[in-house]
Amino acid sequence: MAIFEKHISTRLEARTSGLADHGEFSSSKDLTDLLLDISQNEKSSITIDDIRSLIFDLFLAGTDTTSSTLEWAMAELIHNPEKMSKARSELMDIIGKENGSVEESDISILPYLQAVVKETLRLHPPVTFLVPHKAITDVEIQGYKVAKDSQILCNLWVMGQDPDVWSNPQRFEPERFLETGIDYKGHDFELIPFGAGRRMCPGLPLAHRLLHVMLGSLIYKFDWKIEGGMRPQDLDMSDKFGFTLHKKTHGTRQYPFNQRD
């Protein structure tokens, strides 16, 4: 929290001294500036403590979830070498075989990479139960009565394992998303790792770009192999449940694989 306290204090000092208008902060306003503008309005109920907590929550939600999803995607691709080969071939065909780099503008023309990300989010949702919601009124859904103020948890992990919705739900098959228009933008309730509606994750656009660019870069730049003579099919793919869904580790060696250029 000390980092965020210093960040807010520095921004407040700059605004007080006028540097916010005539210095390093003058080029554009970020989220902190907008929140401070609101908090300084006499009719606002947002306090500095609220801003500190909000920034802290956004930082945590945007780092742990992205890194765990990226780890799961790499683990699944290494566990399924034929899928890794397909993803790498697509990147080589689109980006080129030498001195290329994966850019945001390439995402739309990399359908198999997009399918890998979707399948990873289906099989390993970063936040297993989403962020808790609360019913604002009494409501009945398919015969179930939900009382006002009830806490609502959406079990995304079970939704992704439902055989009535997904064929072979426990298998990593990105190809299933090449045959359907299902996306995770909140319109298709089969796949809602970021939630849906007004309360869906505000970090979705950033996560969308980061996951594709980072994963694509790792696949494109390196030929990944498991070290120690272990076979890909023997890689432990167990889940470790918590607020976020991590890959289960054994001992101190969290990553039993490395890259070969």
C-alpha atoms as a PDB file:
ATOM      1  CA  MET A   1       0.000   0.000   0.000  1.00  0.00           C
ATOM      2  CA  ALA A   2       2.969   2.330   0.564  1.00  0.00           C
ATOM      3  CA  ILE A   3       3.573   2.473  -3.195  1.00  0.00           C
ATOM      4  CA  PHE A   4       0.030   3.656  -3.872  1.00  0.00           C
ATOM      5  CA  GLU A   5       0.177   6.096  -0.960  1.00  0.00           C
ATOM      6  CA  LYS A   6       3.306   7.667  -2.451  1.00  0.00           C
ATOM      7  CA  HIS A   7       1.739   7.768  -5.916  1.00  0.00           C
ATOM      8  CA  ILE A   8      -1.363   9.604  -4.676  1.00  0.00           C
ATOM      9  CA  SER A   9       0.654  11.946  -2.444  1.00  0.00           C
ATOM     10  CA  THR A  10       2.949  12.892  -5.331  1.00  0.00           C
ATOM     11  CA  ARG A  11      -0.023  13.616  -7.555  1.00  0.00           C
ATOM     12  CA  LEU A  12      -1.712  15.734  -4.856  1.00  0.00           C
ATOM     13  CA  GLU A  13       1.480  17.754  -4.314  1.00  0.00           C
ATOM     14  CA  ALA A  14       1.762  18.358  -8.059  1.00  0.00           C
ATOM     15  CA  ARG A  15      -1.825  19.568  -8.240  1.00  0.00           C
ATOM     16  CA  THR A  16      -1.326  21.866  -5.260  1.00  0.00           C
ATOM     17  CA  SER A  17       1.883  23.399  -6.627  1.00  0.00           C
ATOM     18  CA  GLY A  18       0.496  23.806 -10.136  1.00  0.00           C
ATOM     19  CA  LEU A  19       2.800  21.241 -11.745  1.00  0.00           C
ATOM     20  CA  ALA A  20      -0.231  19.324 -12.930  1.00  0.00           C
ATOM     21  CA  ASP A  21      -0.872  22.137 -15.401  1.00  0.00           C
ATOM     22  CA  HIS A  22       2.719  23.113 -16.280  1.00  0.00           C
ATOM     23  CA  GLY A  23       4.970  20.111 -15.954  1.00  0.00           C
ATOM     24  CA  GLU A  24       5.395  16.387 -16.294  1.00  0.00           C
ATOM     25  CA  PHE A  25       1.698  15.785 -15.537  1.00  0.00           C
ATOM     26  CA  SER A  26       0.344  18.247 -18.103  1.00  0.00           C
ATOM     27  CA  SER A  27       0.264  16.004 -21.181  1.00  0.00           C
ATOM     28  CA  SER A  28      -2.788  13.969 -20.239  1.00  0.00           C
ATOM     29  CA  LYS A  29      -4.954  12.927 -17.324  1.00  0.00           C
ATOM     30  CA  ASP A  30      -4.949   9.363 -16.089  1.00  0.00           C
ATOM     31  CA  LEU A  31      -7.316   7.462 -13.804  1.00  0.00           C
ATOM     32  CA  THR A  32      -5.754   8.940 -10.664  1.00  0.00           C
ATOM     33  CA  ASP A  33      -6.365  12.485 -11.904  1.00  0.00           C
ATOM     34  CA  LEU A  34      -9.976  11.736 -12.767  1.00  0.00           C
ATOM     35  CA  LEU A  35     -10.635  10.200  -9.345  1.00  0.00           C
ATOM     36  CA  LEU A  36      -8.967  13.130  -7.587  1.00  0.00           C
ATOM     37  CA  ASP A  37     -11.086  15.554  -9.627  1.00  0.00           C
ATOM     38  CA  ILE A  38     -14.211  13.757  -8.460  1.00  0.00           C
ATOM     39  CA  SER A  39     -13.098  13.557  -4.833  1.00  0.00           C
ATOM     40  CA  GLN A  40     -12.429  17.315  -4.688  1.00  0.00           C
ATOM     41  CA  ASN A  41     -15.981  18.059  -5.713  1.00  0.00           C
ATOM     42  CA  GLU A  42     -17.923  19.192  -2.634  1.00  0.00           C
ATOM     43  CA  LYS A  43     -20.828  16.884  -3.455  1.00  0.00           C
ATOM     44  CA  SER A  44     -18.648  13.812  -3.953  1.00  0.00           C
ATOM     45  CA  SER A  45     -18.645  10.919  -1.489  1.00  0.00           C
ATOM     46  CA  ILE A  46     -15.328   9.526  -2.788  1.00  0.00           C
ATOM     47  CA  THR A  47     -12.439   9.965  -0.345  1.00  0.00           C
ATOM     48  CA  ILE A  48      -8.678   9.583  -0.700  1.00  0.00           C
ATOM     49  CA  ASP A  49      -8.985   6.278   1.159  1.00  0.00           C
ATOM     50  CA  ASP A  50     -11.489   5.102  -1.455  1.00  0.00           C
ATOM     51  CA  ILE A  51      -9.106   6.054  -4.259  1.00  0.00           C
ATOM     52  CA  ARG A  52      -6.187   4.275  -2.585  1.00  0.00           C
ATOM     53  CA  SER A  53      -8.228   1.091  -2.141  1.00  0.00           C
ATOM     54  CA  LEU A  54      -9.584   1.203  -5.695  1.00  0.00           C
ATOM     55  CA  ILE A  55      -6.138   1.587  -7.279  1.00  0.00           C
ATOM     56  CA  PHE A  56      -4.818  -1.214  -5.081  1.00  0.00           C
ATOM     57  CA  ASP A  57      -7.668  -3.534  -6.131  1.00  0.00           C
ATOM     58  CA  LEU A  58      -7.193  -2.713  -9.820  1.00  0.00           C
ATOM     59  CA  PHE A  59      -3.465  -3.389  -9.563  1.00  0.00           C
ATOM     60  CA  LEU A  60      -3.959  -6.772  -7.906  1.00  0.00           C
ATOM     61  CA  ALA A  61      -6.774  -7.823 -10.242  1.00  0.00           C
ATOM     62  CA  GLY A  62      -4.802  -6.854 -13.330  1.00  0.00           C
ATOM     63  CA  THR A  63      -1.520  -8.585 -12.483  1.00  0.00           C
ATOM     64  CA  ASP A  64      -2.225 -11.922 -10.812  1.00  0.00           C
ATOM     65  CA  THR A  65      -5.020 -12.875 -13.206  1.00  0.00           C
ATOM     66  CA  THR A  66      -3.043 -12.048 -16.345  1.00  0.00           C
ATOM     67  CA  SER A  67       0.101 -13.868 -15.231  1.00  0.00           C
ATOM     68  CA  SER A  68      -1.807 -16.986 -14.136  1.00  0.00           C
ATOM     69  CA  THR A  69      -3.709 -17.130 -17.451  1.00  0.00           C
ATOM     70  CA  LEU A  70      -0.477 -16.767 -19.405  1.00  0.00           C
ATOM     71  CA  GLU A  71       1.119 -19.544 -17.354  1.00  0.00           C
ATOM     72  CA  TRP A  72      -1.861 -21.839 -17.966  1.00  0.00           C
ATOM     73  CA  ALA A  73      -1.800 -21.142 -21.713  1.00  0.00           C
ATOM     74  CA  MET A  74       1.899 -22.004 -21.962  1.00  0.00           C
ATOM     75  CA  ALA A  75       1.459 -25.114 -19.812  1.00  0.00           C
ATOM     76  CA  GLU A  76      -1.435 -26.351 -21.970  1.00  0.00           C
ATOM     77  CA  LEU A  77       0.481 -25.749 -25.196  1.00  0.00           C
ATOM     78  CA  ILE A  78       3.545 -27.585 -23.878  1.00  0.00           C
ATOM     79  CA  HIS A  79       1.262 -30.366 -22.638  1.00  0.00           C
ATOM     80  CA  ASN A  80      -0.224 -30.554 -26.154  1.00  0.00           C
ATOM     81  CA  PRO A  81       2.708 -30.184 -28.608  1.00  0.00           C
ATOM     82  CA  GLU A  82       0.461 -30.433 -31.675  1.00  0.00           C
ATOM     83  CA  LYS A  83      -1.444 -27.338 -30.498  1.00  0.00           C
ATOM     84  CA  MET A  84       1.834 -25.514 -29.902  1.00  0.00           C
ATOM     85  CA  SER A  85       2.940 -26.434 -33.421  1.00  0.00           C
ATOM     86  CA  LYS A  86      -0.296 -25.067 -34.917  1.00  0.00           C
ATOM     87  CA  ALA A  87      -0.005 -21.796 -32.997  1.00  0.00           C
ATOM     88  CA  ARG A  88       3.651 -21.356 -33.947  1.00  0.00           C
ATOM     89  CA  SER A  89       3.006 -22.165 -37.615  1.00  0.00           C
ATOM     90  CA  GLU A  90       0.264 -19.533 -37.747  1.00  0.00           C
ATOM     91  CA  LEU A  91       2.579 -16.930 -36.248  1.00  0.00           C
ATOM     92  CA  MET A  92       5.397 -17.835 -38.652  1.00  0.00           C
ATOM     93  CA  ASP A  93       3.029 -17.557 -41.628  1.00  0.00           C
ATOM     94  CA  ILE A  94       1.592 -14.204 -40.561  1.00  0.00           C
ATOM     95  CA  ILE A  95       4.546 -12.486 -38.871  1.00  0.00           C
ATOM     96  CA  GLY A  96       7.344 -14.054 -40.879  1.00  0.00           C
ATOM     97  CA  LYS A  97      10.221 -16.297 -39.898  1.00  0.00           C
ATOM     98  CA  GLU A  98      12.885 -13.687 -39.164  1.00  0.00           C
ATOM     99  CA  ASN A  99      13.181 -10.478 -37.143  1.00  0.00           C
ATOM    100  CA  GLY A 100       9.446 -10.114 -36.622  1.00  0.00           C
ATOM    101  CA  SER A 101       7.456  -9.179 -33.541  1.00  0.00           C
ATOM    102  CA  VAL A 102       3.866  -9.673 -32.476  1.00  0.00           C
ATOM    103  CA  GLU A 103       1.945  -6.392 -32.414  1.00  0.00           C
ATOM    104  CA  GLU A 104      -1.552  -5.491 -31.232  1.00  0.00           C
ATOM    105  CA  SER A 105      -2.596  -4.954 -34.828  1.00  0.00           C
ATOM    106  CA  ASP A 106      -1.814  -8.621 -35.562  1.00  0.00           C
ATOM    107  CA  ILE A 107      -4.332 -10.042 -33.089  1.00  0.00           C
ATOM    108  CA  SER A 108      -7.302  -9.874 -35.472  1.00  0.00           C
ATOM    109  CA  ILE A 109      -5.469 -11.910 -38.133  1.00  0.00           C
ATOM    110  CA  LEU A 110      -4.329 -14.674 -35.761  1.00  0.00           C
ATOM    111  CA  PRO A 111      -7.495 -16.772 -35.287  1.00  0.00           C
ATOM    112  CA  TYR A 112      -5.759 -19.810 -33.788  1.00  0.00           C
ATOM    113  CA  LEU A 113      -3.935 -17.682 -31.204  1.00  0.00           C
ATOM    114  CA  GLN A 114      -7.287 -16.128 -30.282  1.00  0.00           C
ATOM    115  CA  ALA A 115      -8.767 -19.618 -29.960  1.00  0.00           C
ATOM    116  CA  VAL A 116      -5.914 -20.674 -27.643  1.00  0.00           C
ATOM    117  CA  VAL A 117      -6.634 -17.718 -25.345  1.00  0.00           C
ATOM    118  CA  LYS A 118     -10.372 -18.456 -25.306  1.00  0.00           C
ATOM    119  CA  GLU A 119      -9.836 -22.143 -24.593  1.00  0.00           C
ATOM    120  CA  THR A 120      -7.431 -21.300 -21.760  1.00  0.00           C
ATOM    121  CA  LEU A 121      -9.983 -18.938 -20.211  1.00  0.00           C
ATOM    122  CA  ARG A 122     -12.685 -21.616 -20.543  1.00  0.00           C
ATOM    123  CA  LEU A 123     -10.655 -24.432 -19.003  1.00  0.00           C
ATOM    124  CA  HIS A 124      -8.804 -22.302 -16.433  1.00  0.00           C
ATOM    125  CA  PRO A 125     -10.845 -19.168 -15.590  1.00  0.00           C
ATOM    126  CA  PRO A 126      -8.519 -16.775 -13.735  1.00  0.00           C
ATOM    127  CA  VAL A 127     -11.150 -15.865 -11.100  1.00  0.00           C
ATOM    128  CA  THR A 128     -13.059 -19.068 -10.412  1.00  0.00           C
ATOM    129  CA  PHE A 129     -16.183 -17.451  -8.927  1.00  0.00           C
ATOM    130  CA  LEU A 130     -15.853 -13.968 -10.411  1.00  0.00           C
ATOM    131  CA  VAL A 131     -16.111 -11.056  -7.984  1.00  0.00           C
ATOM    132  CA  PRO A 132     -19.130 -11.547  -5.646  1.00  0.00           C
ATOM    133  CA  HIS A 133     -22.340  -9.796  -6.719  1.00  0.00           C
ATOM    134  CA  LYS A 134     -25.470  -8.933  -4.769  1.00  0.00           C
ATOM    135  CA  ALA A 135     -29.105  -9.208  -5.852  1.00  0.00           C
ATOM    136  CA  ILE A 136     -30.711  -5.730  -5.734  1.00  0.00           C
ATOM    137  CA  THR A 137     -34.283  -7.088  -5.777  1.00  0.00           C
ATOM    138  CA  ASP A 138     -36.115 -10.357  -5.183  1.00  0.00           C
ATOM    139  CA  VAL A 139     -35.950 -12.375  -8.392  1.00  0.00           C
ATOM    140  CA  GLU A 140     -36.916 -15.815  -9.653  1.00  0.00           C
ATOM    141  CA  ILE A 141     -34.704 -17.543 -12.230  1.00  0.00           C
ATOM    142  CA  GLN A 142     -35.806 -20.854 -13.722  1.00  0.00           C
ATOM    143  CA  GLY A 143     -37.790 -21.745 -10.616  1.00  0.00           C
ATOM    144  CA  TYR A 144     -35.129 -20.624  -8.130  1.00  0.00           C
ATOM    145  CA  LYS A 145     -35.991 -17.717  -5.848  1.00  0.00           C
ATOM    146  CA  VAL A 146     -33.135 -15.357  -5.077  1.00  0.00           C
ATOM    147  CA  ALA A 147     -33.834 -12.987  -2.213  1.00  0.00           C
ATOM    148  CA  LYS A 148     -32.841  -9.335  -2.251  1.00  0.00           C
ATOM    149  CA  ASP A 149     -29.311  -8.676  -0.900  1.00  0.00           C
ATOM    150  CA  SER A 150     -28.257 -12.311  -1.478  1.00  0.00           C
ATOM    151  CA  GLN A 151     -24.601 -12.695  -2.373  1.00  0.00           C
ATOM    152  CA  ILE A 152     -24.226 -14.197  -5.851  1.00  0.00           C
ATOM    153  CA  LEU A 153     -21.236 -16.293  -6.901  1.00  0.00           C
ATOM    154  CA  CYS A 154     -20.868 -17.532 -10.502  1.00  0.00           C
ATOM    155  CA  ASN A 155     -18.937 -20.809 -10.658  1.00  0.00           C
ATOM    156  CA  LEU A 156     -17.068 -20.258 -13.905  1.00  0.00           C
ATOM    157  CA  TRP A 157     -14.973 -23.380 -13.483  1.00  0.00           C
ATOM    158  CA  VAL A 158     -18.066 -25.612 -13.457  1.00  0.00           C
ATOM    159  CA  MET A 159     -19.578 -23.674 -16.382  1.00  0.00           C
ATOM    160  CA  GLY A 160     -16.465 -24.394 -18.421  1.00  0.00           C
ATOM    161  CA  GLN A 161     -16.673 -28.114 -17.551  1.00  0.00           C
ATOM    162  CA  ASP A 162     -20.364 -28.532 -18.451  1.00  0.00           C
ATOM    163  CA  PRO A 163     -20.698 -31.409 -20.962  1.00  0.00           C
ATOM    164  CA  ASP A 164     -24.124 -30.090 -22.024  1.00  0.00           C
ATOM    165  CA  VAL A 165     -22.399 -26.979 -23.386  1.00  0.00           C
ATOM    166  CA  TRP A 166     -18.909 -28.154 -24.336  1.00  0.00           C
ATOM    167  CA  SER A 167     -17.918 -31.393 -26.064  1.00  0.00           C
ATOM    168  CA  ASN A 168     -14.998 -33.139 -24.317  1.00  0.00           C
ATOM    169  CA  PRO A 169     -14.896 -30.303 -21.749  1.00  0.00           C
ATOM    170  CA  GLN A 170     -11.763 -31.509 -19.952  1.00  0.00           C
ATOM    171  CA  ARG A 171      -9.677 -31.569 -23.117  1.00  0.00           C
ATOM    172  CA  PHE A 172      -7.709 -28.570 -24.360  1.00  0.00           C
ATOM    173  CA  GLU A 173      -9.130 -28.027 -27.844  1.00  0.00           C
ATOM    174  CA  PRO A 174      -8.737 -24.471 -29.207  1.00  0.00           C
ATOM    175  CA  GLU A 175     -10.240 -25.698 -32.478  1.00  0.00           C
ATOM    176  CA  ARG A 176     -13.711 -25.600 -30.902  1.00  0.00           C
ATOM    177  CA  PHE A 177     -13.572 -21.777 -31.078  1.00  0.00           C
ATOM    178  CA  LEU A 178     -12.666 -21.785 -34.774  1.00  0.00           C
ATOM    179  CA  GLU A 179     -16.073 -23.277 -35.505  1.00  0.00           C
ATOM    180  CA  THR A 180     -18.161 -20.874 -33.427  1.00  0.00           C
ATOM    181  CA  GLY A 181     -18.505 -17.155 -32.833  1.00  0.00           C
ATOM    182  CA  ILE A 182     -18.428 -17.460 -29.034  1.00  0.00           C
ATOM    183  CA  ASP A 183     -16.360 -14.687 -27.427  1.00  0.00           C
ATOM    184  CA  TYR A 184     -15.635 -13.476 -23.892  1.00  0.00           C
ATOM    185  CA  LYS A 185     -16.848  -9.885 -24.336  1.00  0.00           C
ATOM    186  CA  GLY A 186     -19.936 -10.471 -22.157  1.00  0.00           C
ATOM    187  CA  HIS A 187     -22.466 -11.363 -24.869  1.00  0.00           C
ATOM    188  CA  ASP A 188     -22.049 -15.157 -24.806  1.00  0.00           C
ATOM    189  CA  PHE A 189     -22.878 -16.523 -21.372  1.00  0.00           C
ATOM    190  CA  GLU A 190     -21.136 -19.825 -22.066  1.00  0.00           C
ATOM    191  CA  LEU A 191     -17.843 -17.966 -21.654  1.00  0.00           C
ATOM    192  CA  ILE A 192     -17.766 -15.019 -19.239  1.00  0.00           C
ATOM    193  CA  PRO A 193     -14.326 -15.012 -17.543  1.00  0.00           C
ATOM    194  CA  PHE A 194     -14.567 -11.215 -17.287  1.00  0.00           C
ATOM    195  CA  GLY A 195     -18.192 -11.198 -16.172  1.00  0.00           C
ATOM    196  CA  ALA A 196     -21.005  -9.539 -18.094  1.00  0.00           C
ATOM    197  CA  GLY A 197     -23.207  -6.471 -17.999  1.00  0.00           C
ATOM    198  CA  ARG A 198     -22.464  -3.212 -16.224  1.00  0.00           C
ATOM    199  CA  ARG A 199     -20.275  -4.905 -13.603  1.00  0.00           C
ATOM    200  CA  MET A 200     -17.974  -6.782 -15.960  1.00  0.00           C
ATOM    201  CA  CYS A 201     -14.221  -6.363 -15.546  1.00  0.00           C
ATOM    202  CA  PRO A 202     -13.066  -2.914 -16.722  1.00  0.00           C
ATOM    203  CA  GLY A 203      -9.644  -4.384 -17.479  1.00  0.00           C
ATOM    204  CA  LEU A 204     -10.923  -6.611 -20.311  1.00  0.00           C
ATOM    205  CA  PRO A 205      -9.541  -4.482 -23.205  1.00  0.00           C
ATOM    206  CA  LEU A 206      -6.084  -4.351 -21.617  1.00  0.00           C
ATOM    207  CA  ALA A 207      -6.089  -8.061 -20.717  1.00  0.00           C
ATOM    208  CA  HIS A 208      -7.206  -8.908 -24.278  1.00  0.00           C
ATOM    209  CA  ARG A 209      -4.227  -7.080 -25.767  1.00  0.00           C
ATOM    210  CA  LEU A 210      -1.652  -8.217 -23.220  1.00  0.00           C
ATOM    211  CA  LEU A 211      -2.564 -11.910 -23.308  1.00  0.00           C
ATOM    212  CA  HIS A 212      -2.394 -12.168 -27.082  1.00  0.00           C
ATOM    213  CA  VAL A 213       0.777 -10.111 -27.498  1.00  0.00           C
ATOM    214  CA  MET A 214       2.686 -11.793 -24.638  1.00  0.00           C
ATOM    215  CA  LEU A 215       1.573 -15.321 -25.478  1.00  0.00           C
ATOM    216  CA  GLY A 216       2.167 -14.788 -29.187  1.00  0.00           C
ATOM    217  CA  SER A 217       5.646 -13.392 -28.511  1.00  0.00           C
ATOM    218  CA  LEU A 218       6.616 -16.350 -26.306  1.00  0.00           C
ATOM    219  CA  ILE A 219       5.441 -18.866 -28.906  1.00  0.00           C
ATOM    220  CA  TYR A 220       6.972 -16.974 -31.823  1.00  0.00           C
ATOM    221  CA  LYS A 221      10.391 -16.279 -30.348  1.00  0.00           C
ATOM    222  CA  PHE A 222      11.141 -19.648 -28.750  1.00  0.00           C
ATOM    223  CA  ASP A 223      10.706 -23.358 -29.319  1.00  0.00           C
ATOM    224  CA  TRP A 224       9.620 -24.521 -25.868  1.00  0.00           C
ATOM    225  CA  LYS A 225      10.628 -27.932 -24.531  1.00  0.00           C
ATOM    226  CA  ILE A 226      10.259 -29.748 -21.196  1.00  0.00           C
ATOM    227  CA  GLU A 227      13.562 -30.263 -19.445  1.00  0.00           C
ATOM    228  CA  GLY A 228      14.762 -33.380 -17.653  1.00  0.00           C
ATOM    229  CA  GLY A 229      13.472 -35.834 -20.219  1.00  0.00           C
ATOM    230  CA  MET A 230       9.858 -35.557 -19.065  1.00  0.00           C
ATOM    231  CA  ARG A 231       7.217 -36.354 -21.659  1.00  0.00           C
ATOM    232  CA  PRO A 232       4.650 -33.608 -22.439  1.00  0.00           C
ATOM    233  CA  GLN A 233       1.763 -35.894 -21.467  1.00  0.00           C
ATOM    234  CA  ASP A 234       3.297 -36.396 -18.007  1.00  0.00           C
ATOM    235  CA  LEU A 235       3.192 -32.691 -17.127  1.00  0.00           C
ATOM    236  CA  ASP A 236       1.067 -32.162 -13.993  1.00  0.00           C
ATOM    237  CA  MET A 237      -1.925 -30.030 -14.977  1.00  0.00           C
ATOM    238  CA  SER A 238      -3.602 -29.968 -11.552  1.00  0.00           C
ATOM    239  CA  ASP A 239      -5.446 -26.834 -10.428  1.00  0.00           C
ATOM    240  CA  LYS A 240      -4.690 -24.919  -7.243  1.00  0.00           C
ATOM    241  CA  PHE A 241      -7.900 -23.200  -6.235  1.00  0.00           C
ATOM    242  CA  GLY A 242      -7.981 -19.798  -4.558  1.00  0.00           C
ATOM    243  CA  PHE A 243      -9.340 -16.368  -5.413  1.00  0.00           C
ATOM    244  CA  THR A 244      -7.456 -16.923  -8.663  1.00  0.00           C
ATOM    245  CA  LEU A 245      -6.877 -20.289 -10.312  1.00  0.00           C
ATOM    246  CA  HIS A 246      -3.175 -21.170 -10.355  1.00  0.00           C
ATOM    247  CA  LYS A 247      -1.300 -24.119 -11.696  1.00  0.00           C
ATOM    248  CA  LYS A 248      -0.387 -26.560  -8.929  1.00  0.00           C
ATOM    249  CA  THR A 249       3.349 -26.679  -8.230  1.00  0.00           C
ATOM    250  CA  HIS A 250       5.587 -29.200  -6.507  1.00  0.00           C
ATOM    251  CA  GLY A 251       8.573 -28.198  -4.394  1.00  0.00           C
ATOM    252  CA  THR A 252      10.548 -25.150  -5.439  1.00  0.00           C
ATOM    253  CA  ARG A 253      10.610 -25.786  -9.191  1.00  0.00           C
ATOM    254  CA  GLN A 254       7.589 -23.982 -10.457  1.00  0.00           C
ATOM    255  CA  TYR A 255       8.438 -24.129 -14.161  1.00  0.00           C
ATOM    256  CA  PRO A 256       9.700 -27.578 -15.305  1.00  0.00           C
ATOM    257  CA  PHE A 257      10.216 -26.302 -18.824  1.00  0.00           C
ATOM    258  CA  ASN A 258      12.529 -23.937 -20.626  1.00  0.00           C
ATOM    259  CA  GLN A 259      12.948 -22.444 -24.056  1.00  0.00           C
ATOM    260  CA  ARG A 260      15.233 -23.415 -26.882  1.00  0.00           C
ATOM    261  CA  ASP A 261      15.852 -20.838 -29.540  1.00  0.00           C
END
